[in-house]
C-alpha cells in the first residue's frame, strides 16, 4: 500500500506543477519556459555552494591537531543528507554532475535539464570554493580540501577508485529513488550514509571525491590541478556505468506492468476497498456513502 500512496502523491505533484513523465522527451525545450525548471536549476546552484563549503571546511585543519578522516567522512555525508532534504523536492537533489549525467543516460531527466544542472553545479562549486577561501586563514589557502592521490597511488588506480565509489553511490541513488519501488527508509539518509561510506573507504586513495564539481571548487580556489582529470572522468564514467547496469540489469521492474497499469488492475479487483468518491465531493448530506473502487 505504501507504494500506491507514493505513486498517487507523485502523480498529484506532477499534475499540480504540470511536469511531464520522467524520460518522456530526450530534449524538451518547453522546460526553458517553466518557472519550475529555473527554480530547480537555482536549487542545484545553491546546494552546491553549501556542499563545497560545508564539506571543505571539515577537511581544513586550522587547529593543527591533525586531520580526522572520520570527521570528514561524516561531514560530507551529513551535508549531502541535509541538502537533499533541503532541495530534493525542488530539483531531485543531484548536487553532482556525475549524478545528473547518469540520470540523463537513464532517461530520468532530459539532456537539457542535465546540461543546465551541470552548469549550475560547476558555478556553485566555484563560488563555494571562494567563499571557503575567504573565510579560511591565509596559511591554508594552498589546500582548501583539494582532492589528490594518496602516497604511491597511480593515476590508473585513482581513476578506478573514483569510478567504483561513484558507481556505488549512483546505484544507491537509483535504487532509493526508483518511483516503482515501495518506500524503504529515507533516501536522503541512505544517500548521505553512502557518501560517508565512500569517504571512509576511499579518502586515503583519492580524497574520495565522487563529485567532479566538488573537486573543481577546491581546485579553483587553491589553484591546484594535479591529476584533476581523474575527478571528472572517474566519477562520470562510474555514474554512466551505474545508469546502464541499473536500467538494463538490476532494475527488477523491466518487463512488468507500470504503476498506472497496476492501479487500474487493482481498481478492477472487487475485494479491494478504497476511499468513497463522495468523500472528495464534500457531500455532507450523504449519511452512508457507497464505497467504491479506486
Protein backbone atom coordinates (compact mmCIF):
# COMPACT_ATOMS: atom_id res chain seq x y z
CA UNK A 1 0.00 0.00 0.00
CA UNK A 2 2.88 2.39 0.69
CA UNK A 3 3.98 2.13 -2.95
CA UNK A 4 0.46 3.06 -4.04
CA UNK A 5 0.40 6.10 -1.74
CA UNK A 6 3.78 7.25 -3.05
CA UNK A 7 2.63 6.79 -6.62
CA UNK A 8 -0.52 8.83 -6.00
CA UNK A 9 1.50 11.57 -4.27
CA UNK A 10 3.94 11.74 -7.21
CA UNK A 11 1.08 11.85 -9.73
CA UNK A 12 -0.63 14.66 -7.84
CA UNK A 13 2.63 16.61 -7.69
CA UNK A 14 3.12 16.18 -11.44
CA UNK A 15 -0.44 17.35 -12.11
CA UNK A 16 -0.07 20.38 -9.85
CA UNK A 17 3.14 21.56 -11.50
CA UNK A 18 2.49 20.27 -14.99
CA UNK A 19 5.59 18.09 -15.02
CA UNK A 20 5.97 15.62 -17.87
CA UNK A 21 6.67 11.98 -17.01
CA UNK A 22 10.34 11.16 -16.46
CA UNK A 23 12.04 10.32 -19.72
CA UNK A 24 9.10 11.50 -21.81
CA UNK A 25 11.46 13.54 -24.02
CA UNK A 26 15.21 13.48 -24.52
CA UNK A 27 15.31 17.23 -25.12
CA UNK A 28 12.31 19.28 -24.04
CA UNK A 29 12.75 22.94 -25.00
CA UNK A 30 9.45 23.76 -23.29
CA UNK A 31 11.28 23.33 -19.98
CA UNK A 32 13.07 26.62 -20.61
CA UNK A 33 9.73 28.44 -20.28
CA UNK A 34 8.92 26.79 -16.96
CA UNK A 35 9.45 28.52 -13.63
CA UNK A 36 9.77 25.08 -12.04
CA UNK A 37 12.77 24.36 -14.30
CA UNK A 38 14.67 27.52 -13.36
CA UNK A 39 13.79 27.07 -9.69
CA UNK A 40 15.34 23.59 -9.88
CA UNK A 41 18.48 24.90 -11.60
CA UNK A 42 18.89 27.56 -8.92
CA UNK A 43 18.39 24.93 -6.21
CA UNK A 44 21.28 22.88 -7.62
CA UNK A 45 23.44 26.01 -7.77
CA UNK A 46 22.66 26.96 -4.17
CA UNK A 47 23.10 23.47 -2.77
CA UNK A 48 26.47 23.10 -4.47
CA UNK A 49 27.73 26.28 -2.81
CA UNK A 50 26.83 24.92 0.61
CA UNK A 51 28.18 21.44 -0.15
CA UNK A 52 31.64 22.69 -1.13
CA UNK A 53 31.77 24.99 1.87
CA UNK A 54 30.45 22.53 4.47
CA UNK A 55 32.44 19.55 3.25
CA UNK A 56 35.59 21.54 2.53
CA UNK A 57 35.56 23.27 5.90
CA UNK A 58 35.60 19.90 7.66
CA UNK A 59 38.81 18.93 5.84
CA UNK A 60 40.83 22.03 6.79
CA UNK A 61 42.98 21.52 9.87
CA UNK A 62 43.02 25.03 11.36
CA UNK A 63 43.88 23.86 14.88
CA UNK A 64 46.88 21.81 13.75
CA UNK A 65 45.69 18.74 15.61
CA UNK A 66 45.77 16.54 12.52
CA UNK A 67 43.01 15.78 10.04
CA UNK A 68 40.31 13.44 11.33
CA UNK A 69 39.25 11.35 8.35
CA UNK A 70 36.15 10.00 10.09
CA UNK A 71 35.03 13.56 10.84
CA UNK A 72 35.50 14.50 7.19
CA UNK A 73 33.59 11.42 6.05
CA UNK A 74 30.61 12.20 8.24
CA UNK A 75 30.69 15.90 7.37
CA UNK A 76 30.36 15.20 3.65
CA UNK A 77 27.69 12.57 4.25
CA UNK A 78 25.67 14.74 6.61
CA UNK A 79 25.99 17.69 4.23
CA UNK A 80 24.52 15.66 1.37
CA UNK A 81 21.76 14.34 3.62
CA UNK A 82 20.79 17.85 4.76
CA UNK A 83 20.96 19.36 1.27
CA UNK A 84 18.86 16.60 -0.29
CA UNK A 85 16.26 17.26 2.38
CA UNK A 86 16.52 20.96 1.52
CA UNK A 87 16.16 20.78 -2.27
CA UNK A 88 15.30 17.17 -3.15
CA UNK A 89 11.65 18.03 -3.81
CA UNK A 90 12.71 21.03 -5.92
CA UNK A 91 15.33 19.59 -8.28
CA UNK A 92 15.83 15.97 -7.29
CA UNK A 93 18.84 16.92 -5.17
CA UNK A 94 21.61 15.77 -7.52
CA UNK A 95 24.32 18.22 -6.34
CA UNK A 96 26.77 16.29 -8.51
CA UNK A 97 27.42 16.37 -12.29
CA UNK A 98 28.03 12.60 -12.28
CA UNK A 99 24.52 12.06 -10.90
CA UNK A 100 22.87 14.47 -13.34
CA UNK A 101 24.62 12.88 -16.32
CA UNK A 102 23.68 9.40 -15.08
CA UNK A 103 20.04 10.47 -14.72
CA UNK A 104 20.07 11.75 -18.31
CA UNK A 105 21.59 8.48 -19.56
CA UNK A 106 18.83 6.58 -17.74
CA UNK A 107 16.29 8.99 -19.28
CA UNK A 108 15.06 10.04 -15.85
CA UNK A 109 15.64 13.67 -16.82
CA UNK A 110 16.09 15.39 -20.17
CA UNK A 111 19.52 16.12 -21.61
CA UNK A 112 18.63 19.82 -21.50
CA UNK A 113 17.96 19.67 -17.76
CA UNK A 114 21.17 17.73 -17.18
CA UNK A 115 23.21 20.36 -19.05
CA UNK A 116 21.76 23.24 -17.05
CA UNK A 117 22.13 21.29 -13.78
CA UNK A 118 25.82 20.65 -14.50
CA UNK A 119 26.42 24.31 -15.35
CA UNK A 120 24.69 25.38 -12.12
CA UNK A 121 26.67 22.83 -10.10
CA UNK A 122 30.00 23.95 -11.59
CA UNK A 123 29.33 27.65 -10.99
CA UNK A 124 28.03 26.95 -7.49
CA UNK A 125 31.10 24.86 -6.65
CA UNK A 126 33.48 27.61 -7.74
CA UNK A 127 31.61 30.21 -5.69
CA UNK A 128 31.53 27.81 -2.73
CA UNK A 129 35.28 27.32 -3.05
CA UNK A 130 35.94 31.05 -2.98
CA UNK A 131 33.60 31.54 -0.01
CA UNK A 132 35.57 28.84 1.81
CA UNK A 133 38.79 30.63 0.86
CA UNK A 134 37.52 33.97 2.08
CA UNK A 135 36.55 32.52 5.46
CA UNK A 136 39.74 30.50 5.96
CA UNK A 137 43.09 31.85 7.30
CA UNK A 138 45.62 32.64 4.58
CA UNK A 139 48.00 29.89 5.66
CA UNK A 140 45.57 27.21 4.49
CA UNK A 141 44.75 28.62 1.05
CA UNK A 142 47.14 26.28 -0.73
CA UNK A 143 44.98 23.28 0.16
CA UNK A 144 41.29 24.08 0.59
CA UNK A 145 40.20 20.43 0.75
CA UNK A 146 41.77 19.70 -2.64
CA UNK A 147 41.28 16.09 -3.69
CA UNK A 148 44.54 14.36 -4.57
CA UNK A 149 46.04 10.92 -4.93
CA UNK A 150 47.43 9.20 -1.85
CA UNK A 151 51.04 8.16 -1.45
CA UNK A 152 52.13 5.72 -4.18
CA UNK A 153 48.62 5.63 -5.71
CA UNK A 154 48.90 5.70 -9.50
CA UNK A 155 46.60 7.64 -11.82
CA UNK A 156 45.07 4.41 -13.09
CA UNK A 157 44.39 3.25 -9.53
CA UNK A 158 42.90 6.62 -8.62
CA UNK A 159 40.65 6.50 -11.68
CA UNK A 160 39.49 3.01 -10.70
CA UNK A 161 38.74 4.03 -7.11
CA UNK A 162 36.72 7.07 -8.18
CA UNK A 163 34.81 5.01 -10.75
CA UNK A 164 33.89 2.30 -8.24
CA UNK A 165 32.96 4.69 -5.43
CA UNK A 166 30.73 6.72 -7.75
CA UNK A 167 29.20 3.57 -9.22
CA UNK A 168 28.09 2.51 -5.74
CA UNK A 169 26.80 5.98 -4.88
CA UNK A 170 24.79 6.44 -8.08
CA UNK A 171 23.38 2.91 -7.92
CA UNK A 172 22.16 3.60 -4.38
CA UNK A 173 20.54 6.79 -5.69
CA UNK A 174 18.79 4.88 -8.47
CA UNK A 175 17.64 2.21 -6.03
CA UNK A 176 16.37 4.51 -3.29
CA UNK A 177 14.59 6.95 -5.63
CA UNK A 178 13.05 4.43 -8.04
CA UNK A 179 9.41 5.52 -8.34
CA UNK A 180 8.31 1.90 -8.89
CA UNK A 181 9.78 0.77 -5.59
CA UNK A 182 7.85 0.72 -2.31
CA UNK A 183 9.26 3.23 0.15
CA UNK A 184 12.13 1.88 2.23
CA UNK A 185 13.57 4.43 4.61
CA UNK A 186 14.70 7.96 3.87
CA UNK A 187 16.54 8.39 0.52
CA UNK A 188 18.36 11.44 1.93
CA UNK A 189 19.69 9.46 4.89
CA UNK A 190 20.64 6.42 2.82
CA UNK A 191 22.41 8.50 0.17
CA UNK A 192 24.19 10.54 2.85
CA UNK A 193 25.42 7.38 4.55
CA UNK A 194 26.65 6.08 1.19
CA UNK A 195 28.69 9.26 0.73
CA UNK A 196 30.11 8.70 4.22
CA UNK A 197 30.95 5.08 3.31
CA UNK A 198 32.70 6.25 0.16
CA UNK A 199 34.86 8.62 2.17
CA UNK A 200 35.70 6.03 4.82
CA UNK A 201 36.74 3.58 2.09
CA UNK A 202 38.47 5.85 -0.38
CA UNK A 203 39.71 9.01 1.30
CA UNK A 204 43.28 7.68 1.66
CA UNK A 205 43.39 6.71 -2.01
CA UNK A 206 41.96 9.75 -3.82
CA UNK A 207 40.43 12.05 -1.24
CA UNK A 208 37.15 10.33 -2.17
CA UNK A 209 35.53 12.91 -4.41
CA UNK A 210 32.75 11.04 -6.28
CA UNK A 211 31.74 14.52 -7.43
CA UNK A 212 33.52 16.46 -10.21
CA UNK A 213 32.18 19.88 -9.25
CA UNK A 214 33.17 19.41 -5.59
CA UNK A 215 36.77 18.75 -6.68
CA UNK A 216 36.64 21.67 -9.12
CA UNK A 217 35.56 24.15 -6.44
CA UNK A 218 38.54 23.31 -4.25
CA UNK A 219 40.95 23.17 -7.19
CA UNK A 220 39.97 26.62 -8.47
CA UNK A 221 40.12 28.24 -5.01
CA UNK A 222 43.53 26.71 -4.27
CA UNK A 223 44.82 26.84 -7.85
CA UNK A 224 45.86 23.20 -7.52
CA UNK A 225 45.32 20.96 -10.57
CA UNK A 226 47.40 17.82 -10.02
CA UNK A 227 45.62 14.79 -11.52
CA UNK A 228 42.41 16.81 -11.70
CA UNK A 229 41.16 14.94 -14.78
CA UNK A 230 40.67 11.84 -12.62
CA UNK A 231 37.96 13.59 -10.62
CA UNK A 232 35.93 14.25 -13.77
CA UNK A 233 36.48 11.13 -15.85
CA UNK A 234 36.30 8.64 -12.96
CA UNK A 235 33.02 9.78 -11.35
CA UNK A 236 31.27 10.43 -14.68
CA UNK A 237 32.32 7.00 -16.00
CA UNK A 238 31.10 5.41 -12.76
CA UNK A 239 27.78 7.24 -12.96
CA UNK A 240 27.18 6.33 -16.62
CA UNK A 241 28.10 2.69 -15.94
CA UNK A 242 25.69 2.66 -13.00
CA UNK A 243 22.87 4.03 -15.16
CA UNK A 244 23.41 1.32 -17.77
CA UNK A 245 23.70 -1.51 -15.26
CA UNK A 246 20.71 -0.41 -13.18
CA UNK A 247 18.50 0.27 -16.19
CA UNK A 248 19.35 -2.87 -18.13
CA UNK A 249 20.36 -5.43 -15.50
CA UNK A 250 19.44 -4.61 -11.90
CA UNK A 251 16.07 -2.92 -12.49
CA UNK A 252 13.50 -5.52 -11.33
CA UNK A 253 10.64 -3.63 -12.98
CA UNK A 254 11.73 -4.20 -16.59
CA UNK A 255 9.02 -6.12 -18.45
CA UNK A 256 6.40 -5.76 -15.72
CA UNK A 257 3.35 -3.52 -15.78
CA UNK A 258 3.91 0.06 -14.65
CA UNK A 259 2.30 1.65 -11.61
CA UNK A 260 -0.57 3.18 -13.62
CA UNK A 261 -1.49 -0.23 -15.02
CA UNK A 262 -1.19 -1.79 -11.56
CA UNK A 263 -3.60 0.80 -10.14
CA UNK A 264 -6.10 0.07 -12.91
CA UNK A 265 -5.80 -3.65 -12.24
CA UNK A 266 -6.35 -3.07 -8.53
CA UNK A 267 -9.37 -0.94 -9.37
CA UNK A 268 -10.94 -3.95 -11.05
CA UNK A 269 -10.40 -6.15 -8.00
CA UNK A 270 -13.77 -6.46 -6.25
CA UNK A 271 -12.06 -7.39 -2.98
CA UNK A 272 -10.23 -4.06 -2.82
CA UNK A 273 -11.94 -1.29 -0.84
CA UNK A 274 -10.83 2.32 -1.22
CA UNK A 275 -11.96 5.77 -0.16
CA UNK A 276 -15.53 6.58 -1.28
CA UNK A 277 -15.67 9.01 -4.19
CA UNK A 278 -18.29 11.04 -2.36
CA UNK A 279 -15.60 11.90 0.21
CA UNK A 280 -13.81 14.00 -2.39
CA UNK A 281 -17.07 15.69 -3.45
CA UNK A 282 -17.62 17.04 0.04
CA UNK A 283 -21.16 15.66 0.16
CA UNK A 284 -22.00 16.36 3.80
CA UNK A 285 -25.63 15.24 3.30
CA UNK A 286 -24.63 11.74 2.39
CA UNK A 287 -25.04 9.66 5.53
CA UNK A 288 -23.82 6.37 4.15
CA UNK A 289 -21.75 6.93 1.04
CA UNK A 290 -21.25 3.83 -1.03
CA UNK A 291 -17.74 2.51 -1.03
CA UNK A 292 -16.18 2.37 -4.45
CA UNK A 293 -13.00 1.16 -6.07
CA UNK A 294 -10.10 3.49 -6.90
